[in-house]
Amino acid sequence: MTTHRPQRTCVGCRLVTDQEVLLRWIEDPQDPSRILPDPKRRGTGRGAWLHPDPECARLAVRRGGFARAYRSSRIRVELDELLAALNKALPNASCPPEHLQT
């Protein structure tokens, strides 16, 4: 018998994978135009999921992945801020090998 592993879609590369390899992001409760990392996955509201990979971050910003995930045009994500928050939230994170092959 196999155990169920929740799947999520990365807002950058759009690859569907186990949620445990993705970082969840939520809207900032004080400023809904900003996003915050939610490494413990306990934040309220809709979440967006991103591989801990700078290339996925670039794709998410370029393609408007966070605005699409939150269904909101008010989300404004700057790549530099996203990369800094990503490094702060998961300083030693790396992507699984199957992600790097896509």
PDB file of N, CA and C in Angstrom:
ATOM      1  N   MET A   1       0.841  -1.182   0.000  1.00  0.00           N
ATOM      2  CA  MET A   1       0.000   0.000   0.000  1.00  0.00           C
ATOM      3  C   MET A   1       0.890   1.252   0.000  1.00  0.00           C
ATOM      4  N   THR A   2       0.590   2.174  -0.873  1.00  0.00           N
ATOM      5  CA  THR A   2       1.371   3.403  -0.940  1.00  0.00           C
ATOM      6  C   THR A   2       0.683   4.488  -0.125  1.00  0.00           C
ATOM      7  N   THR A   3       1.475   5.402   0.376  1.00  0.00           N
ATOM      8  CA  THR A   3       0.911   6.517   1.127  1.00  0.00           C
ATOM      9  C   THR A   3       0.687   7.689   0.175  1.00  0.00           C
ATOM     10  N   HIS A   4      -0.368   8.445   0.449  1.00  0.00           N
ATOM     11  CA  HIS A   4      -0.684   9.614  -0.363  1.00  0.00           C
ATOM     12  C   HIS A   4       0.271  10.741  -0.020  1.00  0.00           C
ATOM     13  N   ARG A   5       0.834  11.365  -1.043  1.00  0.00           N
ATOM     14  CA  ARG A   5       1.719  12.502  -0.856  1.00  0.00           C
ATOM     15  C   ARG A   5       1.111  13.681  -1.604  1.00  0.00           C
ATOM     16  N   PRO A   6       0.735  14.741  -0.884  1.00  0.00           N
ATOM     17  CA  PRO A   6       0.104  15.887  -1.542  1.00  0.00           C
ATOM     18  C   PRO A   6       0.988  16.467  -2.645  1.00  0.00           C
ATOM     19  N   GLN A   7       0.361  16.799  -3.751  1.00  0.00           N
ATOM     20  CA  GLN A   7       1.040  17.363  -4.909  1.00  0.00           C
ATOM     21  C   GLN A   7       0.673  18.830  -5.064  1.00  0.00           C
ATOM     22  N   ARG A   8       1.626  19.632  -5.467  1.00  0.00           N
ATOM     23  CA  ARG A   8       1.401  21.046  -5.724  1.00  0.00           C
ATOM     24  C   ARG A   8       2.133  21.421  -7.013  1.00  0.00           C
ATOM     25  N   THR A   9       1.728  22.536  -7.600  1.00  0.00           N
ATOM     26  CA  THR A   9       2.347  23.025  -8.826  1.00  0.00           C
ATOM     27  C   THR A   9       3.229  24.223  -8.514  1.00  0.00           C
ATOM     28  N   CYS A  10       4.464  24.184  -8.960  1.00  0.00           N
ATOM     29  CA  CYS A  10       5.387  25.307  -8.791  1.00  0.00           C
ATOM     30  C   CYS A  10       4.899  26.464  -9.659  1.00  0.00           C
ATOM     31  N   VAL A  11       4.804  27.669  -9.082  1.00  0.00           N
ATOM     32  CA  VAL A  11       4.330  28.829  -9.838  1.00  0.00           C
ATOM     33  C   VAL A  11       5.377  29.335 -10.826  1.00  0.00           C
ATOM     34  N   GLY A  12       6.591  28.803 -10.744  1.00  0.00           N
ATOM     35  CA  GLY A  12       7.640  29.177 -11.683  1.00  0.00           C
ATOM     36  C   GLY A  12       7.681  28.270 -12.884  1.00  0.00           C
ATOM     37  N   CYS A  13       8.088  27.023 -12.668  1.00  0.00           N
ATOM     38  CA  CYS A  13       8.271  26.085 -13.776  1.00  0.00           C
ATOM     39  C   CYS A  13       7.001  25.320 -14.128  1.00  0.00           C
ATOM     40  N   ARG A  14       5.978  25.394 -13.283  1.00  0.00           N
ATOM     41  CA  ARG A  14       4.683  24.744 -13.475  1.00  0.00           C
ATOM     42  C   ARG A  14       4.763  23.216 -13.377  1.00  0.00           C
ATOM     43  N   LEU A  15       5.835  22.688 -12.793  1.00  0.00           N
ATOM     44  CA  LEU A  15       5.985  21.259 -12.592  1.00  0.00           C
ATOM     45  C   LEU A  15       5.179  20.836 -11.368  1.00  0.00           C
ATOM     46  N   VAL A  16       4.384  19.779 -11.496  1.00  0.00           N
ATOM     47  CA  VAL A  16       3.618  19.243 -10.372  1.00  0.00           C
ATOM     48  C   VAL A  16       4.519  18.259  -9.634  1.00  0.00           C
ATOM     49  N   THR A  17       4.667  18.463  -8.331  1.00  0.00           N
ATOM     50  CA  THR A  17       5.561  17.637  -7.531  1.00  0.00           C
ATOM     51  C   THR A  17       5.074  17.562  -6.091  1.00  0.00           C
ATOM     52  N   ASP A  18       5.741  16.755  -5.280  1.00  0.00           N
ATOM     53  CA  ASP A  18       5.388  16.645  -3.866  1.00  0.00           C
ATOM     54  C   ASP A  18       5.533  17.999  -3.195  1.00  0.00           C
ATOM     55  N   GLN A  19       4.577  18.352  -2.346  1.00  0.00           N
ATOM     56  CA  GLN A  19       4.632  19.661  -1.701  1.00  0.00           C
ATOM     57  C   GLN A  19       5.831  19.798  -0.771  1.00  0.00           C
ATOM     58  N   GLU A  20       6.394  18.680  -0.317  1.00  0.00           N
ATOM     59  CA  GLU A  20       7.522  18.756   0.609  1.00  0.00           C
ATOM     60  C   GLU A  20       8.785  19.326  -0.027  1.00  0.00           C
ATOM     61  N   VAL A  21       8.884  19.348  -1.354  1.00  0.00           N
ATOM     62  CA  VAL A  21      10.063  19.916  -2.004  1.00  0.00           C
ATOM     63  C   VAL A  21       9.832  21.362  -2.450  1.00  0.00           C
ATOM     64  N   LEU A  22       8.653  21.902  -2.177  1.00  0.00           N
ATOM     65  CA  LEU A  22       8.317  23.276  -2.545  1.00  0.00           C
ATOM     66  C   LEU A  22       8.204  24.150  -1.300  1.00  0.00           C
ATOM     67  N   LEU A  23       8.433  25.440  -1.479  1.00  0.00           N
ATOM     68  CA  LEU A  23       8.246  26.412  -0.400  1.00  0.00           C
ATOM     69  C   LEU A  23       6.916  27.116  -0.628  1.00  0.00           C
ATOM     70  N   ARG A  24       6.113  27.200   0.417  1.00  0.00           N
ATOM     71  CA  ARG A  24       4.815  27.877   0.335  1.00  0.00           C
ATOM     72  C   ARG A  24       5.004  29.369   0.603  1.00  0.00           C
ATOM     73  N   TRP A  25       4.281  30.184  -0.156  1.00  0.00           N
ATOM     74  CA  TRP A  25       4.289  31.641  -0.009  1.00  0.00           C
ATOM     75  C   TRP A  25       2.861  32.100   0.232  1.00  0.00           C
ATOM     76  N   ILE A  26       2.701  33.109   1.089  1.00  0.00           N
ATOM     77  CA  ILE A  26       1.379  33.666   1.391  1.00  0.00           C
ATOM     78  C   ILE A  26       1.399  35.177   1.195  1.00  0.00           C
ATOM     79  N   GLU A  27       0.204  35.747   1.071  1.00  0.00           N
ATOM     80  CA  GLU A  27       0.096  37.206   1.020  1.00  0.00           C
ATOM     81  C   GLU A  27       0.428  37.784   2.386  1.00  0.00           C
ATOM     82  N   ASP A  28       1.133  38.906   2.396  1.00  0.00           N
ATOM     83  CA  ASP A  28       1.458  39.604   3.634  1.00  0.00           C
ATOM     84  C   ASP A  28       0.163  40.175   4.214  1.00  0.00           C
ATOM     85  N   PRO A  29      -0.207  39.805   5.453  1.00  0.00           N
ATOM     86  CA  PRO A  29      -1.458  40.309   6.034  1.00  0.00           C
ATOM     87  C   PRO A  29      -1.486  41.836   6.177  1.00  0.00           C
ATOM     88  N   GLN A  30      -0.322  42.473   6.359  1.00  0.00           N
ATOM     89  CA  GLN A  30      -0.276  43.936   6.494  1.00  0.00           C
ATOM     90  C   GLN A  30      -0.257  44.654   5.137  1.00  0.00           C
ATOM     91  N   ASP A  31       0.226  43.985   4.109  1.00  0.00           N
ATOM     92  CA  ASP A  31       0.322  44.589   2.783  1.00  0.00           C
ATOM     93  C   ASP A  31       0.023  43.520   1.733  1.00  0.00           C
ATOM     94  N   PRO A  32      -1.237  43.390   1.323  1.00  0.00           N
ATOM     95  CA  PRO A  32      -1.632  42.325   0.391  1.00  0.00           C
ATOM     96  C   PRO A  32      -0.966  42.380  -0.981  1.00  0.00           C
ATOM     97  N   SER A  33      -0.189  43.425  -1.270  1.00  0.00           N
ATOM     98  CA  SER A  33       0.514  43.466  -2.546  1.00  0.00           C
ATOM     99  C   SER A  33       1.867  42.756  -2.451  1.00  0.00           C
ATOM    100  N   ARG A  34       2.260  42.348  -1.241  1.00  0.00           N
ATOM    101  CA  ARG A  34       3.536  41.654  -1.014  1.00  0.00           C
ATOM    102  C   ARG A  34       3.292  40.198  -0.640  1.00  0.00           C
ATOM    103  N   ILE A  35       4.320  39.375  -0.814  1.00  0.00           N
ATOM    104  CA  ILE A  35       4.239  37.978  -0.406  1.00  0.00           C
ATOM    105  C   ILE A  35       5.322  37.671   0.619  1.00  0.00           C
ATOM    106  N   LEU A  36       5.055  36.656   1.437  1.00  0.00           N
ATOM    107  CA  LEU A  36       5.990  36.224   2.474  1.00  0.00           C
ATOM    108  C   LEU A  36       6.177  34.713   2.383  1.00  0.00           C
ATOM    109  N   PRO A  37       7.392  34.234   2.666  1.00  0.00           N
ATOM    110  CA  PRO A  37       7.571  32.783   2.718  1.00  0.00           C
ATOM    111  C   PRO A  37       6.856  32.203   3.929  1.00  0.00           C
ATOM    112  N   ASP A  38       6.359  31.007   3.791  1.00  0.00           N
ATOM    113  CA  ASP A  38       5.656  30.309   4.871  1.00  0.00           C
ATOM    114  C   ASP A  38       6.259  28.903   5.016  1.00  0.00           C
ATOM    115  N   PRO A  39       7.519  28.830   5.510  1.00  0.00           N
ATOM    116  CA  PRO A  39       8.200  27.531   5.560  1.00  0.00           C
ATOM    117  C   PRO A  39       7.526  26.501   6.458  1.00  0.00           C
ATOM    118  N   LYS A  40       6.796  26.945   7.477  1.00  0.00           N
ATOM    119  CA  LYS A  40       6.095  26.003   8.360  1.00  0.00           C
ATOM    120  C   LYS A  40       4.723  25.629   7.834  1.00  0.00           C
ATOM    121  N   ARG A  41       4.290  26.288   6.759  1.00  0.00           N
ATOM    122  CA  ARG A  41       3.000  26.008   6.101  1.00  0.00           C
ATOM    123  C   ARG A  41       1.814  26.163   7.050  1.00  0.00           C
ATOM    124  N   ARG A  42       1.867  27.196   7.865  1.00  0.00           N
ATOM    125  CA  ARG A  42       0.801  27.436   8.835  1.00  0.00           C
ATOM    126  C   ARG A  42       0.069  28.757   8.605  1.00  0.00           C
ATOM    127  N   GLY A  43       0.508  29.532   7.630  1.00  0.00           N
ATOM    128  CA  GLY A  43      -0.118  30.814   7.354  1.00  0.00           C
ATOM    129  C   GLY A  43      -1.533  30.637   6.829  1.00  0.00           C
ATOM    130  N   THR A  44      -2.350  31.646   7.054  1.00  0.00           N
ATOM    131  CA  THR A  44      -3.739  31.572   6.613  1.00  0.00           C
ATOM    132  C   THR A  44      -3.870  32.039   5.168  1.00  0.00           C
ATOM    133  N   GLY A  45      -4.926  31.618   4.553  1.00  0.00           N
ATOM    134  CA  GLY A  45      -5.235  32.068   3.199  1.00  0.00           C
ATOM    135  C   GLY A  45      -4.621  31.205   2.120  1.00  0.00           C
ATOM    136  N   ARG A  46      -4.824  31.663   0.919  1.00  0.00           N
ATOM    137  CA  ARG A  46      -4.345  30.958  -0.268  1.00  0.00           C
ATOM    138  C   ARG A  46      -2.816  30.961  -0.281  1.00  0.00           C
ATOM    139  N   GLY A  47      -2.242  29.855  -0.677  1.00  0.00           N
ATOM    140  CA  GLY A  47      -0.791  29.748  -0.776  1.00  0.00           C
ATOM    141  C   GLY A  47      -0.353  29.543  -2.211  1.00  0.00           C
ATOM    142  N   ALA A  48       0.865  29.939  -2.496  1.00  0.00           N
ATOM    143  CA  ALA A  48       1.494  29.672  -3.781  1.00  0.00           C
ATOM    144  C   ALA A  48       2.760  28.880  -3.474  1.00  0.00           C
ATOM    145  N   TRP A  49       3.141  28.004  -4.373  1.00  0.00           N
ATOM    146  CA  TRP A  49       4.237  27.077  -4.126  1.00  0.00           C
ATOM    147  C   TRP A  49       5.336  27.297  -5.149  1.00  0.00           C
ATOM    148  N   LEU A  50       6.600  27.262  -4.670  1.00  0.00           N
ATOM    149  CA  LEU A  50       7.741  27.552  -5.530  1.00  0.00           C
ATOM    150  C   LEU A  50       8.908  26.648  -5.158  1.00  0.00           C
ATOM    151  N   HIS A  51       9.588  26.093  -6.180  1.00  0.00           N
ATOM    152  CA  HIS A  51      10.817  25.346  -5.908  1.00  0.00           C
ATOM    153  C   HIS A  51      11.847  26.310  -5.301  1.00  0.00           C
ATOM    154  N   PRO A  52      12.702  25.835  -4.418  1.00  0.00           N
ATOM    155  CA  PRO A  52      13.759  26.696  -3.858  1.00  0.00           C
ATOM    156  C   PRO A  52      14.901  26.834  -4.865  1.00  0.00           C
ATOM    157  N   ASP A  53      14.593  27.422  -5.994  1.00  0.00           N
ATOM    158  CA  ASP A  53      15.520  27.504  -7.108  1.00  0.00           C
ATOM    159  C   ASP A  53      15.422  28.898  -7.730  1.00  0.00           C
ATOM    160  N   PRO A  54      16.545  29.604  -7.876  1.00  0.00           N
ATOM    161  CA  PRO A  54      16.496  30.947  -8.471  1.00  0.00           C
ATOM    162  C   PRO A  54      15.858  30.974  -9.862  1.00  0.00           C
ATOM    163  N   GLU A  55      16.058  29.931 -10.652  1.00  0.00           N
ATOM    164  CA  GLU A  55      15.460  29.911 -11.991  1.00  0.00           C
ATOM    165  C   GLU A  55      13.934  29.859 -11.913  1.00  0.00           C
ATOM    166  N   CYS A  56      13.399  29.082 -10.987  1.00  0.00           N
ATOM    167  CA  CYS A  56      11.944  29.039 -10.803  1.00  0.00           C
ATOM    168  C   CYS A  56      11.435  30.396 -10.318  1.00  0.00           C
ATOM    169  N   ALA A  57      12.207  31.057  -9.460  1.00  0.00           N
ATOM    170  CA  ALA A  57      11.821  32.393  -8.998  1.00  0.00           C
ATOM    171  C   ALA A  57      11.766  33.364 -10.169  1.00  0.00           C
ATOM    172  N   ARG A  58      12.760  33.307 -11.044  1.00  0.00           N
ATOM    173  CA  ARG A  58      12.772  34.183 -12.229  1.00  0.00           C
ATOM    174  C   ARG A  58      11.559  33.922 -13.121  1.00  0.00           C
ATOM    175  N   LEU A  59      11.268  32.643 -13.334  1.00  0.00           N
ATOM    176  CA  LEU A  59      10.111  32.301 -14.167  1.00  0.00           C
ATOM    177  C   LEU A  59       8.809  32.771 -13.535  1.00  0.00           C
ATOM    178  N   ALA A  60       8.690  32.621 -12.223  1.00  0.00           N
ATOM    179  CA  ALA A  60       7.465  33.041 -11.532  1.00  0.00           C
ATOM    180  C   ALA A  60       7.244  34.538 -11.677  1.00  0.00           C
ATOM    181  N   VAL A  61       8.309  35.317 -11.549  1.00  0.00           N
ATOM    182  CA  VAL A  61       8.189  36.770 -11.686  1.00  0.00           C
ATOM    183  C   VAL A  61       7.871  37.133 -13.134  1.00  0.00           C
ATOM    184  N   ARG A  62       8.606  36.547 -14.064  1.00  0.00           N
ATOM    185  CA  ARG A  62       8.420  36.886 -15.481  1.00  0.00           C
ATOM    186  C   ARG A  62       7.027  36.521 -15.987  1.00  0.00           C
ATOM    187  N   ARG A  63       6.520  35.357 -15.559  1.00  0.00           N
ATOM    188  CA  ARG A  63       5.223  34.874 -16.037  1.00  0.00           C
ATOM    189  C   ARG A  63       4.037  35.336 -15.189  1.00  0.00           C
ATOM    190  N   GLY A  64       4.287  36.044 -14.104  1.00  0.00           N
ATOM    191  CA  GLY A  64       3.188  36.470 -13.248  1.00  0.00           C
ATOM    192  C   GLY A  64       2.568  35.316 -12.471  1.00  0.00           C
ATOM    193  N   GLY A  65       3.379  34.358 -12.090  1.00  0.00           N
ATOM    194  CA  GLY A  65       2.891  33.160 -11.414  1.00  0.00           C
ATOM    195  C   GLY A  65       2.217  33.421 -10.082  1.00  0.00           C
ATOM    196  N   PHE A  66       2.735  34.377  -9.312  1.00  0.00           N
ATOM    197  CA  PHE A  66       2.131  34.655  -8.009  1.00  0.00           C
ATOM    198  C   PHE A  66       0.783  35.351  -8.169  1.00  0.00           C
ATOM    199  N   ALA A  67       0.694  36.300  -9.082  1.00  0.00           N
ATOM    200  CA  ALA A  67      -0.590  36.976  -9.323  1.00  0.00           C
ATOM    201  C   ALA A  67      -1.643  35.964  -9.769  1.00  0.00           C
ATOM    202  N   ARG A  68      -1.236  35.022 -10.603  1.00  0.00           N
ATOM    203  CA  ARG A  68      -2.166  33.983 -11.067  1.00  0.00           C
ATOM    204  C   ARG A  68      -2.586  33.080  -9.913  1.00  0.00           C
ATOM    205  N   ALA A  69      -1.623  32.680  -9.083  1.00  0.00           N
ATOM    206  CA  ALA A  69      -1.920  31.773  -7.972  1.00  0.00           C
ATOM    207  C   ALA A  69      -2.859  32.418  -6.954  1.00  0.00           C
ATOM    208  N   TYR A  70      -2.661  33.707  -6.697  1.00  0.00           N
ATOM    209  CA  TYR A  70      -3.511  34.402  -5.725  1.00  0.00           C
ATOM    210  C   TYR A  70      -4.762  34.996  -6.362  1.00  0.00           C
ATOM    211  N   ARG A  71      -4.865  34.854  -7.675  1.00  0.00           N
ATOM    212  CA  ARG A  71      -6.007  35.420  -8.408  1.00  0.00           C
ATOM    213  C   ARG A  71      -6.165  36.904  -8.101  1.00  0.00           C
ATOM    214  N   SER A  72      -5.043  37.610  -8.151  1.00  0.00           N
ATOM    215  CA  SER A  72      -5.038  39.022  -7.794  1.00  0.00           C
ATOM    216  C   SER A  72      -4.031  39.774  -8.656  1.00  0.00           C
ATOM    217  N   SER A  73      -4.459  40.868  -9.230  1.00  0.00           N
ATOM    218  CA  SER A  73      -3.543  41.691 -10.025  1.00  0.00           C
ATOM    219  C   SER A  73      -2.751  42.662  -9.156  1.00  0.00           C
ATOM    220  N   ARG A  74      -3.070  42.732  -7.868  1.00  0.00           N
ATOM    221  CA  ARG A  74      -2.365  43.683  -6.998  1.00  0.00           C
ATOM    222  C   ARG A  74      -1.037  43.139  -6.474  1.00  0.00           C
ATOM    223  N   ILE A  75      -0.761  41.858  -6.681  1.00  0.00           N
ATOM    224  CA  ILE A  75       0.492  41.264  -6.236  1.00  0.00           C
ATOM    225  C   ILE A  75       1.638  41.802  -7.095  1.00  0.00           C
ATOM    226  N   ARG A  76       2.624  42.386  -6.450  1.00  0.00           N
ATOM    227  CA  ARG A  76       3.811  42.899  -7.134  1.00  0.00           C
ATOM    228  C   ARG A  76       5.021  42.227  -6.513  1.00  0.00           C
ATOM    229  N   VAL A  77       5.732  41.452  -7.309  1.00  0.00           N
ATOM    230  CA  VAL A  77       6.886  40.714  -6.808  1.00  0.00           C
ATOM    231  C   VAL A  77       8.122  41.166  -7.563  1.00  0.00           C
ATOM    232  N   GLU A  78       9.112  41.641  -6.822  1.00  0.00           N
ATOM    233  CA  GLU A  78      10.404  42.009  -7.397  1.00  0.00           C
ATOM    234  C   GLU A  78      11.341  40.822  -7.245  1.00  0.00           C
ATOM    235  N   LEU A  79      12.081  40.499  -8.287  1.00  0.00           N
ATOM    236  CA  LEU A  79      12.946  39.331  -8.276  1.00  0.00           C
ATOM    237  C   LEU A  79      13.992  39.401  -7.165  1.00  0.00           C
ATOM    238  N   ASP A  80      14.622  40.542  -6.979  1.00  0.00           N
ATOM    239  CA  ASP A  80      15.658  40.671  -5.940  1.00  0.00           C
ATOM    240  C   ASP A  80      15.096  40.384  -4.554  1.00  0.00           C
ATOM    241  N   GLU A  81      13.926  40.932  -4.273  1.00  0.00           N
ATOM    242  CA  GLU A  81      13.288  40.698  -2.973  1.00  0.00           C
ATOM    243  C   GLU A  81      12.895  39.229  -2.809  1.00  0.00           C
ATOM    244  N   LEU A  82      12.403  38.623  -3.888  1.00  0.00           N
ATOM    245  CA  LEU A  82      12.002  37.222  -3.839  1.00  0.00           C
ATOM    246  C   LEU A  82      13.208  36.320  -3.578  1.00  0.00           C
ATOM    247  N   LEU A  83      14.315  36.573  -4.274  1.00  0.00           N
ATOM    248  CA  LEU A  83      15.521  35.765  -4.078  1.00  0.00           C
ATOM    249  C   LEU A  83      16.077  35.938  -2.669  1.00  0.00           C
ATOM    250  N   ALA A  84      16.062  37.169  -2.147  1.00  0.00           N
ATOM    251  CA  ALA A  84      16.550  37.399  -0.784  1.00  0.00           C
ATOM    252  C   ALA A  84      15.675  36.674   0.234  1.00  0.00           C
ATOM    253  N   ALA A  85      14.358  36.733   0.059  1.00  0.00           N
ATOM    254  CA  ALA A  85      13.447  36.044   0.981  1.00  0.00           C
ATOM    255  C   ALA A  85      13.605  34.536   0.868  1.00  0.00           C
ATOM    256  N   LEU A  86      13.825  34.043  -0.324  1.00  0.00           N
ATOM    257  CA  LEU A  86      14.027  32.618  -0.546  1.00  0.00           C
ATOM    258  C   LEU A  86      15.294  32.136   0.165  1.00  0.00           C
ATOM    259  N   ASN A  87      16.382  32.887   0.014  1.00  0.00           N
ATOM    260  CA  ASN A  87      17.639  32.527   0.680  1.00  0.00           C
ATOM    261  C   ASN A  87      17.541  32.607   2.189  1.00  0.00           C
ATOM    262  N   LYS A  88      16.782  33.571   2.682  1.00  0.00           N
ATOM    263  CA  LYS A  88      16.619  33.714   4.132  1.00  0.00           C
ATOM    264  C   LYS A  88      15.754  32.587   4.704  1.00  0.00           C
ATOM    265  N   ALA A  89      14.700  32.217   3.980  1.00  0.00           N
ATOM    266  CA  ALA A  89      13.782  31.182   4.457  1.00  0.00           C
ATOM    267  C   ALA A  89      14.408  29.796   4.397  1.00  0.00           C
ATOM    268  N   LEU A  90      15.140  29.528   3.330  1.00  0.00           N
ATOM    269  CA  LEU A  90      15.746  28.201   3.120  1.00  0.00           C
ATOM    270  C   LEU A  90      17.196  28.373   2.660  1.00  0.00           C
ATOM    271  N   PRO A  91      18.109  28.727   3.565  1.00  0.00           N
ATOM    272  CA  PRO A  91      19.479  29.032   3.131  1.00  0.00           C
ATOM    273  C   PRO A  91      20.237  27.866   2.507  1.00  0.00           C
ATOM    274  N   ASN A  92      19.932  26.638   2.888  1.00  0.00           N
ATOM    275  CA  ASN A  92      20.663  25.484   2.374  1.00  0.00           C
ATOM    276  C   ASN A  92      19.811  24.589   1.483  1.00  0.00           C
ATOM    277  N   ALA A  93      18.737  25.133   0.952  1.00  0.00           N
ATOM    278  CA  ALA A  93      17.817  24.323   0.147  1.00  0.00           C
ATOM    279  C   ALA A  93      18.401  24.049  -1.234  1.00  0.00           C
ATOM    280  N   SER A  94      17.996  22.924  -1.749  1.00  0.00           N
ATOM    281  CA  SER A  94      18.345  22.585  -3.127  1.00  0.00           C
ATOM    282  C   SER A  94      17.162  21.844  -3.749  1.00  0.00           C
ATOM    283  N   CYS A  95      17.113  21.886  -5.063  1.00  0.00           N
ATOM    284  CA  CYS A  95      16.033  21.217  -5.777  1.00  0.00           C
ATOM    285  C   CYS A  95      16.346  19.736  -5.927  1.00  0.00           C
ATOM    286  N   PRO A  96      15.305  18.909  -5.987  1.00  0.00           N
ATOM    287  CA  PRO A  96      15.530  17.488  -6.230  1.00  0.00           C
ATOM    288  C   PRO A  96      16.068  17.270  -7.646  1.00  0.00           C
ATOM    289  N   PRO A  97      16.811  16.184  -7.869  1.00  0.00           N
ATOM    290  CA  PRO A  97      17.404  15.946  -9.194  1.00  0.00           C
ATOM    291  C   PRO A  97      16.404  15.930 -10.341  1.00  0.00           C
ATOM    292  N   GLU A  98      15.199  15.413 -10.117  1.00  0.00           N
ATOM    293  CA  GLU A  98      14.225  15.351 -11.218  1.00  0.00           C
ATOM    294  C   GLU A  98      13.786  16.733 -11.680  1.00  0.00           C
ATOM    295  N   HIS A  99      13.845  17.737 -10.803  1.00  0.00           N
ATOM    296  CA  HIS A  99      13.482  19.090 -11.197  1.00  0.00           C
ATOM    297  C   HIS A  99      14.559  19.689 -12.100  1.00  0.00           C
ATOM    298  N   LEU A 100      15.797  19.402 -11.812  1.00  0.00           N
ATOM    299  CA  LEU A 100      16.901  19.969 -12.574  1.00  0.00           C
ATOM    300  C   LEU A 100      16.963  19.425 -13.997  1.00  0.00           C
ATOM    301  N   GLN A 101      16.321  18.290 -14.250  1.00  0.00           N
ATOM    302  CA  GLN A 101      16.338  17.684 -15.585  1.00  0.00           C
ATOM    303  C   GLN A 101      15.275  18.275 -16.495  1.00  0.00           C
ATOM    304  N   THR A 102      14.315  19.023 -15.956  1.00  0.00           N
ATOM    305  CA  THR A 102      13.233  19.554 -16.793  1.00  0.00           C
ATOM    306  C   THR A 102      13.653  20.801 -17.510  1.00  0.00           C
TER     307      THR A 102
END
